[in-house]
Every structure is written in C-alpha cells, then in structure tokens.
Amino acid sequence: MEEANMYYLAKAPVPKAVANMAIPMILGMFVGVIQNLTDTFFIGQLNDANLVAAAMLALPVFTIFMAVSNIFGIGCGTYISRLLGEKDYENVKSTSSFSFYTCLLSGIALTILCLIFMEPILRFIGTSAETLDATRKFVTIIAGGGSLIMLSFSMGQIVRAEGAAKESMVGMLIGTISNIVLDPMMIFGMHLGVAGAAYATVISNGLAVTYYGWYLIKKSQWLSISVKYFRCNLNIVKNSFSIGIPVLINFLLLLASSVALNNYAAGYGDALVAVFGIAIQMNMMPEFIISGLCEGVQPLVGYNYTADRNRMSEIIQFTGIIAVLLSVFITLALYSSSSFVLSMFISNDEIVKIGTPLFRISMIAPLFLGIIFLFTNVFQATGKSIPALVMSLSQGAIFLPALVIGNALYGLEGVAYALPISDFGTAVLAIILYLINRSDLQARNLQATQPDMNQM
C-alpha cells in the first residue's frame, strides 16, 4: 500500500496521479454535500421554516470547530507532504502525532468555551425569539461533540497527506453515510426533531474518527498517533501553523460573513434566513466538488515542491484546466434550476417565489471557485504563508463591505450580490498572487529550500 501511495506521489503520469488523488476526495466531498442537504431536507419535512432557520443559524458554531481543526489538518498535512518529499520520515511521525493530540485538546477547550458562553453566542449568530430554543439545542449538541468533529476532519487530512486518498475517502464515507442513515431515525423515529440532526452529526463523526484511528495504528507506515512520537518543536509548530493559521482566519472570516448574512436576512424575516441558508448550502456543492479536486492534489503539489518542481508545474496546469471547466458547468446547472432547487427544501410557494431571484443571484458565485481553490491550495501545499494569508483574508474582506453597501443601496438584491462579488474579487487577487510567485513555482529541476524560508 505504501509503495502504491509513493508511486502516485512521485512517478505516476500526471493525469493518472491527479485522478487517483482527486476523485476519492471529490466523491467524499460530494457525499458530504448530500449529507448537509439531507439534514436540511429532513428538518424541512417538519414543516416549520423556523427549524430550518435554526439549523442554518447553528452553522457558524460548526464552522468554528472546523476552522480550528484546519490548523492541525491542512496545516500539519501540507507539512507532512513536504517532509515526505524530503524523505524525513521521523518528523512525519512527530507531526502526525502532534496534529492528533493538539487537535483533541483544542476541541475540548472549545467545547468548554461554547457551553460557558452559550447565551452570548446565540445572540451573536442572529437568533430570534422563534428560533432561539431550537438553535440552542442544536448548538449545545454540536459543541458537546466538537472534538469528534474536529478529529474527523483533521485525521482525514493527515491520512491524505501521505497519498492514501482512498483511505481518506473511506473515512469520509463512513461519517457521511452513517449521518444520512441516522438523520431520519433520530429526527422522526426517536422524535428528537432538530436535535436529532445534531446527534446524528456527532455520532457519524465519531465513527469516522474510529476508522481513521484504526488506519493510523494498524496500516500506516509513516504516520502515527502514538504519544511517544509527540513533539512540540519549533519546526513543526512553525511549518504547520504558518499554513494552518491563514486557513483558520479564512474560516473565521467566512463565519463572520455567514453571521452578517444571517443578521441582514433576519431583518427581512426568518423565511429569508432559510432561503439564504439554503443558497449557502447549495453553494457548498460546487465548493466541495471543486475544492475536492484542488485539495486532492495538494499532497502531490507539496511532495513535488520539495522533490520535482517540473512535475509540480504540470500538476498545477492540468488541475487548473479541470477546475475552471467544472466551475463553469456547475454554475450554469445551478443557475438554470434555481426555482426547482429552492422548492425542494421550502414547501411555501410564496417564499419560493420571493426567494428564487435572490437564490439565482447567489448561484453566480461558483463561477470563480476553480481559480480561488486552485491557487489557495497551491500556496498552502508549498508552504507560502503570506499568499495563503492574503487569500484567507480576501473573501471576508471583500464580502463584508459588499454586503453592507449592497444592502444600503439595493436591499435584498444587494445582499444576494455580495456572494458573487466577493468570489470574483478573490479570484482576481489569486491570479495576481500566482503571477508574483510564478518564478519560484515554475522553477525546473530545482531542490527547494526549507518551506518556511520561501514565504513569498
């Protein structure tokens, strides 16, 4: 198995290597989208728009846990790929162990903070009197299982970092399929309502963590979660956090954007909170598919940045073409079917009629995702923390003023246009940053210096 993983990282033809790494990630991400939509679908069957809105309002809390887990998943994972390219296997074990234990402890700390500050959190995310109780239940359960949610994501990233894309996908599928099965059982069978969806999420992530733990202990040659390999040295912290922190900032800005969107939408009624929440979830479909492609090749880019720059450039070019084509195709599909998609989740014809034009505007945003995700993952994989940080800041930095100005000038339409405007601006910035760093990224047959010395 380890020989096969190394073959795809180092020697396989580029299209074959990209397919081997990206397809499992795309499938896993796509099934994850189905999981999110299934949650919304089953909650929607309770025929209460306030419950759908409550689940949407709770998303920022879930995002917080995911954001912090990125430090230990993407941050440590990209460093592991570069270490494998350098054949530094001892530090690979230390970094994977560091990822596991720091992620676990961070999850416990976040859970405690969420439970202590529950009421301020509920006010911050925009709950109303009608959605308060349901949102509190959802958030409390998600926070209680925060460590499992974080470990599920970070461990999947670490497994994928050594080239085990299929095994990473299996863990994602275990979590997703079990969630889909548990949703109706807990929401309807056990009469738990919206809380059942939250319990299903936590339990399914726990099952995924169990699988990844088994793989790391029994199957992986290079990775380890043994405490004996745990190291908190400067190189691990610096190389992992220099990429992980920008990813964390990006998630936090997206969180702030989501909260701001909820609050602005709430000014027009809870029904429109549900409309924008569904629009955000539908945007997750192209986001997860395209990011699945670009994140899937991240270990290839990271490994070859320290092993073979020529091969790395071919991987970037090939992936870029596929990512842009996917962005265009998915945008056209969602835009043309906006009314039908919205009616799947909201049975009220009047809300669908009012919400469809806004929903359609939001569906323009995926057009720019191929460029955004490609270059963001290239900067992360190659350890370029400054471009990665700028990319992390850009979407939120553009979205928030676009939201405020759009709402002031054009009302609801202006709120909806904030999404595509922020993605367009971020895509332009990504191209500029790539051009600035192109001479290094396209260097031929050059052994890279240490990643933390090439930050720009």
Protein backbone atom coordinates (compact mmCIF):
# COMPACT_ATOMS: atom_id res chain seq x y z
CA MET A 1 0.00 0.00 0.00
CA GLU A 2 2.78 2.41 0.93
CA GLU A 3 4.57 1.67 -2.38
CA ALA A 4 1.38 2.49 -4.29
CA ASN A 5 0.96 5.77 -2.42
CA MET A 6 4.54 6.77 -3.19
CA TYR A 7 4.09 5.79 -6.85
CA TYR A 8 1.23 8.24 -7.26
CA LEU A 9 3.05 10.99 -5.39
CA ALA A 10 6.32 10.68 -7.27
CA LYS A 11 6.11 8.73 -10.53
CA ALA A 12 2.63 8.20 -11.99
CA PRO A 13 1.65 10.17 -15.14
CA VAL A 14 0.13 13.47 -14.09
CA PRO A 15 -3.48 12.79 -15.27
CA LYS A 16 -3.39 9.39 -13.55
CA ALA A 17 -1.90 10.81 -10.35
CA VAL A 18 -4.43 13.66 -10.24
CA ALA A 19 -7.32 11.25 -10.85
CA ASN A 20 -6.11 8.87 -8.13
CA MET A 21 -5.77 11.65 -5.56
CA ALA A 22 -8.68 13.89 -6.56
CA ILE A 23 -11.53 11.50 -7.45
CA PRO A 24 -11.76 9.94 -3.97
CA MET A 25 -11.65 13.42 -2.44
CA ILE A 26 -14.35 14.72 -4.81
CA LEU A 27 -16.57 11.72 -4.12
CA GLY A 28 -16.11 12.13 -0.39
CA MET A 29 -16.80 15.87 -0.60
CA PHE A 30 -19.83 15.32 -2.84
CA VAL A 31 -21.33 12.80 -0.46
CA GLY A 32 -20.64 15.34 2.28
CA VAL A 33 -22.78 17.85 0.37
CA ILE A 34 -25.53 15.24 0.15
CA GLN A 35 -25.21 14.84 3.93
CA ASN A 36 -25.68 18.58 4.53
CA LEU A 37 -28.63 18.73 2.15
CA THR A 38 -30.12 15.62 3.75
CA ASP A 39 -30.00 17.31 7.16
CA THR A 40 -31.83 20.31 5.71
CA PHE A 41 -34.29 18.11 3.79
CA PHE A 42 -35.34 16.04 6.81
CA ILE A 43 -35.61 19.09 9.04
CA GLY A 44 -37.69 20.72 6.30
CA GLN A 45 -40.13 17.79 6.46
CA LEU A 46 -41.09 19.00 9.94
CA ASN A 47 -42.93 21.80 8.05
CA ASP A 48 -41.52 24.58 10.19
CA ALA A 49 -39.33 27.20 8.48
CA ASN A 50 -38.09 28.30 11.91
CA LEU A 51 -36.47 24.89 12.44
CA VAL A 52 -34.69 25.13 9.08
CA ALA A 53 -33.56 28.62 10.06
CA ALA A 54 -32.32 27.29 13.44
CA ALA A 55 -30.14 24.68 11.72
CA MET A 56 -28.77 27.39 9.40
CA LEU A 57 -28.07 29.70 12.34
CA ALA A 58 -26.11 26.95 14.09
CA LEU A 59 -23.74 26.51 11.12
CA PRO A 60 -21.29 29.19 12.35
CA VAL A 61 -20.64 27.20 15.53
CA PHE A 62 -19.93 24.09 13.48
CA THR A 63 -17.67 26.26 11.31
CA ILE A 64 -15.68 27.36 14.37
CA PHE A 65 -14.76 23.77 15.20
CA MET A 66 -13.92 23.05 11.55
CA ALA A 67 -11.83 26.21 11.33
CA VAL A 68 -9.63 25.30 14.28
CA SER A 69 -9.27 21.72 13.05
CA ASN A 70 -7.77 23.11 9.83
CA ILE A 71 -4.66 24.16 11.75
CA PHE A 72 -3.96 20.54 12.57
CA GLY A 73 -5.42 19.02 9.39
CA ILE A 74 -4.37 21.22 6.48
CA GLY A 75 -1.51 22.92 8.32
CA CYS A 76 0.14 19.73 9.52
CA GLY A 77 -0.94 17.78 6.43
CA THR A 78 0.80 20.06 3.93
CA TYR A 79 3.95 19.97 6.06
CA ILE A 80 3.82 16.16 6.14
CA SER A 81 3.65 16.04 2.32
CA ARG A 82 6.72 18.27 2.04
CA LEU A 83 8.55 16.15 4.63
CA LEU A 84 7.77 13.02 2.62
CA GLY A 85 9.29 14.70 -0.45
CA GLU A 86 12.43 15.25 1.64
CA LYS A 87 12.21 11.65 2.99
CA ASP A 88 12.25 12.94 6.57
CA TYR A 89 10.10 10.12 7.98
CA GLU A 90 10.91 10.69 11.66
CA ASN A 91 9.44 14.18 11.55
CA VAL A 92 6.45 12.84 9.63
CA LYS A 93 5.57 10.65 12.62
CA SER A 94 6.15 13.50 15.06
CA THR A 95 3.99 15.91 13.03
CA SER A 96 1.08 13.48 12.72
CA SER A 97 1.17 12.76 16.45
CA PHE A 98 1.34 16.50 17.18
CA SER A 99 -1.69 17.01 14.93
CA PHE A 100 -3.79 14.42 16.75
CA TYR A 101 -3.16 15.45 20.35
CA THR A 102 -3.25 19.21 19.84
CA CYS A 103 -6.48 18.87 17.86
CA LEU A 104 -8.05 16.76 20.62
CA LEU A 105 -7.10 19.22 23.36
CA SER A 106 -8.22 22.21 21.31
CA GLY A 107 -11.60 20.56 20.75
CA ILE A 108 -12.11 20.03 24.47
CA ALA A 109 -11.20 23.67 25.17
CA LEU A 110 -13.62 24.95 22.52
CA THR A 111 -16.43 22.79 23.90
CA ILE A 112 -15.97 24.27 27.36
CA LEU A 113 -15.92 27.82 25.99
CA CYS A 114 -19.07 27.27 23.90
CA LEU A 115 -21.01 25.89 26.84
CA ILE A 116 -19.90 28.72 29.14
CA PHE A 117 -20.72 31.48 26.64
CA MET A 118 -23.80 29.89 25.08
CA GLU A 119 -26.16 32.87 25.50
CA PRO A 120 -23.80 35.49 24.00
CA ILE A 121 -23.09 33.08 21.13
CA LEU A 122 -26.79 32.66 20.40
CA ARG A 123 -27.28 36.42 20.30
CA PHE A 124 -24.21 36.86 18.10
CA ILE A 125 -25.32 34.38 15.43
CA GLY A 126 -28.63 36.17 14.98
CA THR A 127 -31.30 34.03 16.68
CA SER A 128 -34.81 35.42 17.08
CA ALA A 129 -37.45 34.57 19.68
CA GLU A 130 -38.90 31.99 17.29
CA THR A 131 -35.59 30.22 16.59
CA LEU A 132 -33.88 30.57 20.00
CA ASP A 133 -34.83 27.27 21.66
CA ALA A 134 -34.21 25.07 18.61
CA THR A 135 -30.88 26.78 17.87
CA ARG A 136 -29.76 26.38 21.50
CA LYS A 137 -30.43 22.61 21.35
CA PHE A 138 -28.57 22.24 18.07
CA VAL A 139 -25.56 24.30 19.18
CA THR A 140 -25.28 22.55 22.55
CA ILE A 141 -25.13 19.10 20.95
CA ILE A 142 -22.67 20.16 18.24
CA ALA A 143 -20.42 21.82 20.82
CA GLY A 144 -20.56 18.74 23.04
CA GLY A 145 -19.21 16.61 20.22
CA GLY A 146 -16.78 19.24 18.97
CA SER A 147 -13.63 17.15 19.49
CA LEU A 148 -15.02 14.32 17.35
CA ILE A 149 -15.99 16.76 14.58
CA MET A 150 -12.51 18.29 14.62
CA LEU A 151 -10.64 14.98 14.73
CA SER A 152 -12.73 13.53 11.92
CA PHE A 153 -11.63 16.32 9.60
CA SER A 154 -8.02 16.69 10.70
CA MET A 155 -7.28 12.95 10.71
CA GLY A 156 -8.72 12.62 7.20
CA GLN A 157 -6.36 15.37 6.03
CA ILE A 158 -3.37 13.70 7.65
CA VAL A 159 -4.16 10.33 6.06
CA ARG A 160 -4.50 12.00 2.66
CA ALA A 161 -1.18 13.83 3.14
CA GLU A 162 0.75 10.57 2.75
CA GLY A 163 -1.05 9.80 -0.52
CA ALA A 164 -3.71 7.49 0.96
CA ALA A 165 -6.56 9.23 -0.88
CA LYS A 166 -8.83 6.18 -0.99
CA GLU A 167 -8.47 5.53 2.74
CA SER A 168 -9.24 9.20 3.44
CA MET A 169 -12.36 8.88 1.30
CA VAL A 170 -13.47 5.74 3.14
CA GLY A 171 -13.41 7.62 6.43
CA MET A 172 -15.44 10.45 4.91
CA LEU A 173 -17.96 7.98 3.50
CA ILE A 174 -18.32 6.22 6.85
CA GLY A 175 -19.15 9.53 8.51
CA THR A 176 -21.45 10.74 5.76
CA ILE A 177 -23.44 7.57 5.11
CA SER A 178 -23.95 6.95 8.81
CA ASN A 179 -25.22 10.53 9.16
CA ILE A 180 -27.69 10.06 6.32
CA VAL A 181 -28.96 6.84 7.91
CA LEU A 182 -29.15 8.30 11.42
CA ASP A 183 -30.94 11.52 10.41
CA PRO A 184 -34.45 10.09 9.82
CA MET A 185 -34.03 7.59 12.67
CA MET A 186 -33.31 10.33 15.20
CA ILE A 187 -35.43 13.16 13.79
CA PHE A 188 -38.58 11.09 13.23
CA GLY A 189 -38.07 7.62 14.70
CA MET A 190 -36.85 8.87 18.06
CA HIS A 191 -38.92 12.09 17.84
CA LEU A 192 -35.90 14.29 18.59
CA GLY A 193 -36.69 16.88 15.92
CA VAL A 194 -33.91 19.28 15.00
CA ALA A 195 -31.78 17.94 17.89
CA GLY A 196 -31.78 14.54 16.16
CA ALA A 197 -29.88 16.01 13.21
CA ALA A 198 -27.23 17.35 15.59
CA TYR A 199 -26.87 13.99 17.39
CA ALA A 200 -26.54 12.25 14.01
CA THR A 201 -23.73 14.62 13.04
CA VAL A 202 -21.75 13.98 16.22
CA ILE A 203 -22.17 10.19 16.18
CA SER A 204 -21.24 9.89 12.50
CA ASN A 205 -18.07 11.92 13.03
CA GLY A 206 -17.19 9.64 15.94
CA LEU A 207 -17.46 6.61 13.65
CA ALA A 208 -15.14 8.29 11.13
CA VAL A 209 -12.59 9.01 13.88
CA THR A 210 -12.69 5.34 14.88
CA TYR A 211 -11.85 4.28 11.32
CA TYR A 212 -9.01 6.79 10.94
CA GLY A 213 -7.57 5.72 14.28
CA TRP A 214 -7.58 2.09 13.15
CA TYR A 215 -5.83 3.03 9.89
CA LEU A 216 -3.14 5.11 11.57
CA ILE A 217 -2.41 2.45 14.17
CA LYS A 218 -2.62 -0.68 12.01
CA LYS A 219 -1.96 0.30 8.39
CA SER A 220 0.14 3.44 8.03
CA GLN A 221 3.90 3.06 7.75
CA TRP A 222 4.84 6.73 8.08
CA LEU A 223 2.08 8.30 10.17
CA SER A 224 1.49 7.80 13.88
CA ILE A 225 -0.77 8.93 16.72
CA SER A 226 1.45 7.33 19.34
CA VAL A 227 2.25 9.68 22.21
CA LYS A 228 5.89 8.55 22.10
CA TYR A 229 6.34 10.45 18.81
CA PHE A 230 4.68 13.61 20.07
CA ARG A 231 6.97 16.60 19.66
CA CYS A 232 6.19 20.28 20.02
CA ASN A 233 9.35 21.61 18.42
CA LEU A 234 9.71 24.89 16.57
CA ASN A 235 9.85 23.42 13.04
CA ILE A 236 6.59 21.51 13.43
CA VAL A 237 4.78 24.43 15.02
CA LYS A 238 6.12 26.98 12.54
CA ASN A 239 5.52 24.99 9.35
CA SER A 240 2.10 23.74 10.45
CA PHE A 241 0.79 26.97 11.91
CA SER A 242 2.15 29.19 9.12
CA ILE A 243 -0.37 27.49 6.80
CA GLY A 244 -2.96 26.41 9.35
CA ILE A 245 -3.46 29.88 10.83
CA PRO A 246 -4.35 31.50 7.46
CA VAL A 247 -6.84 28.69 6.87
CA LEU A 248 -8.27 29.33 10.34
CA ILE A 249 -8.56 33.05 9.58
CA ASN A 250 -10.33 32.26 6.32
CA PHE A 251 -12.88 30.10 8.12
CA LEU A 252 -13.40 32.77 10.78
CA LEU A 253 -13.99 35.43 8.15
CA LEU A 254 -16.42 33.12 6.38
CA LEU A 255 -18.07 32.63 9.75
CA ALA A 256 -18.34 36.40 10.23
CA SER A 257 -19.73 36.65 6.71
CA SER A 258 -22.31 33.95 7.43
CA VAL A 259 -23.35 35.62 10.68
CA ALA A 260 -23.59 39.02 8.95
CA LEU A 261 -25.66 37.50 6.14
CA ASN A 262 -28.00 35.86 8.67
CA ASN A 263 -28.43 39.12 10.54
CA TYR A 264 -29.13 41.14 7.40
CA ALA A 265 -31.53 38.48 6.10
CA ALA A 266 -33.25 38.32 9.50
CA GLY A 267 -34.20 41.96 9.02
CA TYR A 268 -36.43 40.81 6.18
CA GLY A 269 -37.91 37.85 8.10
CA ASP A 270 -36.89 34.34 9.26
CA ALA A 271 -38.14 32.82 5.99
CA LEU A 272 -35.41 34.65 4.07
CA VAL A 273 -32.83 33.44 6.58
CA ALA A 274 -33.85 29.97 5.43
CA VAL A 275 -33.60 30.99 1.74
CA PHE A 276 -30.08 32.37 2.13
CA GLY A 277 -29.11 29.41 4.31
CA ILE A 278 -30.19 27.01 1.56
CA ALA A 279 -28.34 29.13 -1.01
CA ILE A 280 -25.16 28.85 1.08
CA GLN A 281 -25.62 25.08 1.36
CA MET A 282 -26.21 24.74 -2.39
CA ASN A 283 -23.05 26.76 -2.98
CA MET A 284 -21.34 24.09 -0.91
CA MET A 285 -21.97 21.60 -3.71
CA PRO A 286 -19.63 23.28 -6.24
CA GLU A 287 -17.36 24.38 -3.39
CA PHE A 288 -16.92 20.84 -2.12
CA ILE A 289 -16.53 19.31 -5.58
CA ILE A 290 -14.00 21.86 -6.84
CA SER A 291 -12.19 22.10 -3.53
CA GLY A 292 -12.18 18.28 -3.52
CA LEU A 293 -10.27 18.38 -6.80
CA CYS A 294 -7.82 21.07 -5.63
CA GLU A 295 -7.37 19.70 -2.11
CA GLY A 296 -6.99 16.23 -3.57
CA VAL A 297 -3.89 17.26 -5.48
CA GLN A 298 -2.48 19.21 -2.53
CA PRO A 299 -0.26 16.30 -1.39
CA LEU A 300 1.01 15.94 -4.97
CA VAL A 301 1.93 19.62 -5.12
CA GLY A 302 3.52 19.61 -1.66
CA TYR A 303 5.53 16.43 -2.24
CA ASN A 304 6.85 17.55 -5.63
CA TYR A 305 7.63 21.07 -4.41
CA THR A 306 10.49 19.50 -2.47
CA ALA A 307 11.14 16.66 -4.92
CA ASP A 308 10.44 17.70 -8.53
CA ARG A 309 9.32 21.23 -9.45
CA ASN A 310 8.82 20.33 -13.11
CA ARG A 311 6.29 17.66 -12.20
CA MET A 312 4.62 20.07 -9.76
CA SER A 313 4.07 22.65 -12.52
CA GLU A 314 2.45 20.04 -14.76
CA ILE A 315 0.12 19.05 -11.92
CA ILE A 316 -0.93 22.68 -11.34
CA GLN A 317 -1.61 23.32 -15.03
CA PHE A 318 -3.63 20.14 -15.54
CA THR A 319 -5.67 20.66 -12.37
CA GLY A 320 -6.37 24.30 -13.29
CA ILE A 321 -7.99 23.38 -16.59
CA ILE A 322 -10.27 20.81 -14.96
CA ALA A 323 -11.18 23.18 -12.07
CA VAL A 324 -12.24 26.04 -14.36
CA LEU A 325 -14.34 23.75 -16.58
CA LEU A 326 -16.09 22.32 -13.51
CA SER A 327 -16.82 25.83 -12.19
CA VAL A 328 -18.50 26.90 -15.42
CA PHE A 329 -20.56 23.72 -15.80
CA ILE A 330 -21.85 23.65 -12.20
CA THR A 331 -22.69 27.37 -12.22
CA LEU A 332 -24.82 27.02 -15.35
CA ALA A 333 -26.61 23.97 -13.91
CA LEU A 334 -27.48 25.62 -10.59
CA TYR A 335 -28.44 28.97 -12.08
CA SER A 336 -30.87 27.43 -14.55
CA SER A 337 -32.58 25.25 -11.93
CA SER A 338 -32.80 27.73 -9.03
CA SER A 339 -36.58 27.68 -8.59
CA PHE A 340 -36.77 23.89 -8.64
CA VAL A 341 -33.91 23.51 -6.16
CA LEU A 342 -35.39 26.00 -3.70
CA SER A 343 -38.82 24.35 -3.86
CA MET A 344 -37.23 21.05 -2.79
CA PHE A 345 -36.47 22.48 0.63
CA ILE A 346 -39.24 25.03 1.19
CA SER A 347 -42.83 23.98 0.52
CA ASN A 348 -44.29 27.51 0.83
CA ASP A 349 -44.95 28.74 -2.74
CA GLU A 350 -44.90 32.40 -1.76
CA ILE A 351 -41.48 32.11 -0.11
CA VAL A 352 -40.15 30.21 -3.14
CA LYS A 353 -41.46 32.93 -5.47
CA ILE A 354 -39.84 35.71 -3.44
CA GLY A 355 -36.64 33.77 -2.79
CA THR A 356 -35.90 32.41 -6.29
CA PRO A 357 -34.44 35.65 -7.79
CA LEU A 358 -32.21 36.04 -4.72
CA PHE A 359 -31.23 32.38 -4.84
CA ARG A 360 -30.37 32.69 -8.56
CA ILE A 361 -28.06 35.66 -7.91
CA SER A 362 -26.22 33.67 -5.24
CA MET A 363 -25.67 30.84 -7.71
CA ILE A 364 -23.37 33.05 -9.82
CA ALA A 365 -20.66 32.81 -7.15
CA PRO A 366 -19.41 29.27 -8.02
CA LEU A 367 -18.20 30.55 -11.42
CA PHE A 368 -14.97 31.78 -9.80
CA LEU A 369 -14.28 28.89 -7.43
CA GLY A 370 -11.89 26.97 -9.70
CA ILE A 371 -9.36 29.79 -9.71
CA ILE A 372 -9.78 30.51 -5.99
CA PHE A 373 -9.36 26.92 -4.77
CA LEU A 374 -6.55 26.03 -7.18
CA PHE A 375 -4.20 28.82 -6.14
CA THR A 376 -5.18 28.73 -2.48
CA ASN A 377 -4.24 25.05 -2.30
CA VAL A 378 -1.02 25.63 -4.25
CA PHE A 379 0.07 28.32 -1.77
CA GLN A 380 -0.81 26.07 1.16
CA ALA A 381 0.90 22.99 -0.28
CA THR A 382 4.14 24.85 -1.00
CA GLY A 383 4.25 26.46 2.46
CA LYS A 384 3.84 30.02 1.17
CA SER A 385 2.23 31.53 4.22
CA ILE A 386 1.97 35.16 3.06
CA PRO A 387 0.00 34.45 -0.15
CA ALA A 388 -2.03 31.90 1.80
CA LEU A 389 -2.78 34.53 4.44
CA VAL A 390 -3.78 37.12 1.84
CA MET A 391 -6.13 34.61 0.21
CA SER A 392 -7.61 33.83 3.60
CA LEU A 393 -8.31 37.48 4.30
CA SER A 394 -9.65 38.38 0.87
CA GLN A 395 -13.09 36.73 0.69
CA GLY A 396 -14.28 38.09 4.03
CA ALA A 397 -12.60 41.44 3.48
CA ILE A 398 -14.48 41.85 0.19
CA PHE A 399 -17.75 40.23 1.26
CA LEU A 400 -18.49 42.29 4.36
CA PRO A 401 -18.30 45.76 2.73
CA ALA A 402 -20.12 44.39 -0.35
CA LEU A 403 -22.89 43.17 1.96
CA VAL A 404 -23.21 46.49 3.82
CA ILE A 405 -23.10 48.62 0.67
CA GLY A 406 -25.33 46.26 -1.30
CA ASN A 407 -27.97 46.22 1.43
CA ALA A 408 -27.91 50.01 1.74
CA LEU A 409 -28.23 50.64 -1.99
CA TYR A 410 -30.28 47.72 -3.33
CA GLY A 411 -31.86 45.97 -0.33
CA LEU A 412 -32.26 42.20 -0.62
CA GLU A 413 -30.76 42.04 -4.12
CA GLY A 414 -27.68 43.83 -2.86
CA VAL A 415 -27.37 41.28 -0.04
CA ALA A 416 -27.53 38.43 -2.58
CA TYR A 417 -24.94 40.03 -4.89
CA ALA A 418 -22.38 40.20 -2.06
CA LEU A 419 -21.57 36.50 -2.58
CA PRO A 420 -20.58 36.61 -6.30
CA ILE A 421 -18.84 39.97 -5.88
CA SER A 422 -16.58 38.63 -3.11
CA ASP A 423 -15.72 35.49 -5.08
CA PHE A 424 -14.91 37.50 -8.23
CA GLY A 425 -12.61 39.81 -6.30
CA THR A 426 -10.88 36.88 -4.62
CA ALA A 427 -10.31 35.13 -7.95
CA VAL A 428 -8.66 38.25 -9.39
CA LEU A 429 -6.42 38.50 -6.34
CA ALA A 430 -5.49 34.82 -6.63
CA ILE A 431 -4.27 35.32 -10.20
CA ILE A 432 -2.18 38.34 -9.17
CA LEU A 433 -0.55 36.43 -6.30
CA TYR A 434 0.23 33.50 -8.58
CA LEU A 435 1.91 35.78 -11.11
CA ILE A 436 4.03 37.29 -8.33
CA ASN A 437 5.15 33.82 -7.19
CA ARG A 438 5.33 32.21 -10.63
CA SER A 439 9.10 32.27 -10.99
CA ASP A 440 9.50 30.09 -7.89
CA LEU A 441 6.54 27.80 -8.54
CA GLN A 442 7.64 27.11 -12.12
CA ALA A 443 11.34 26.55 -11.33
CA ARG A 444 12.60 23.47 -13.13
CA ASN A 445 14.52 20.61 -11.51
CA LEU A 446 15.44 22.70 -8.52
CA GLN A 447 15.58 21.27 -5.00
CA ALA A 448 13.53 23.62 -2.80
CA THR A 449 14.97 25.26 0.22
CA GLN A 450 13.15 24.83 3.51
CA PRO A 451 9.46 25.81 3.05
CA ASP A 452 9.48 28.32 5.88
CA MET A 453 12.27 30.22 4.12
CA ASN A 454 10.18 30.70 0.96
CA GLN A 455 7.20 32.59 2.29
CA MET A 456 6.63 34.96 -0.62
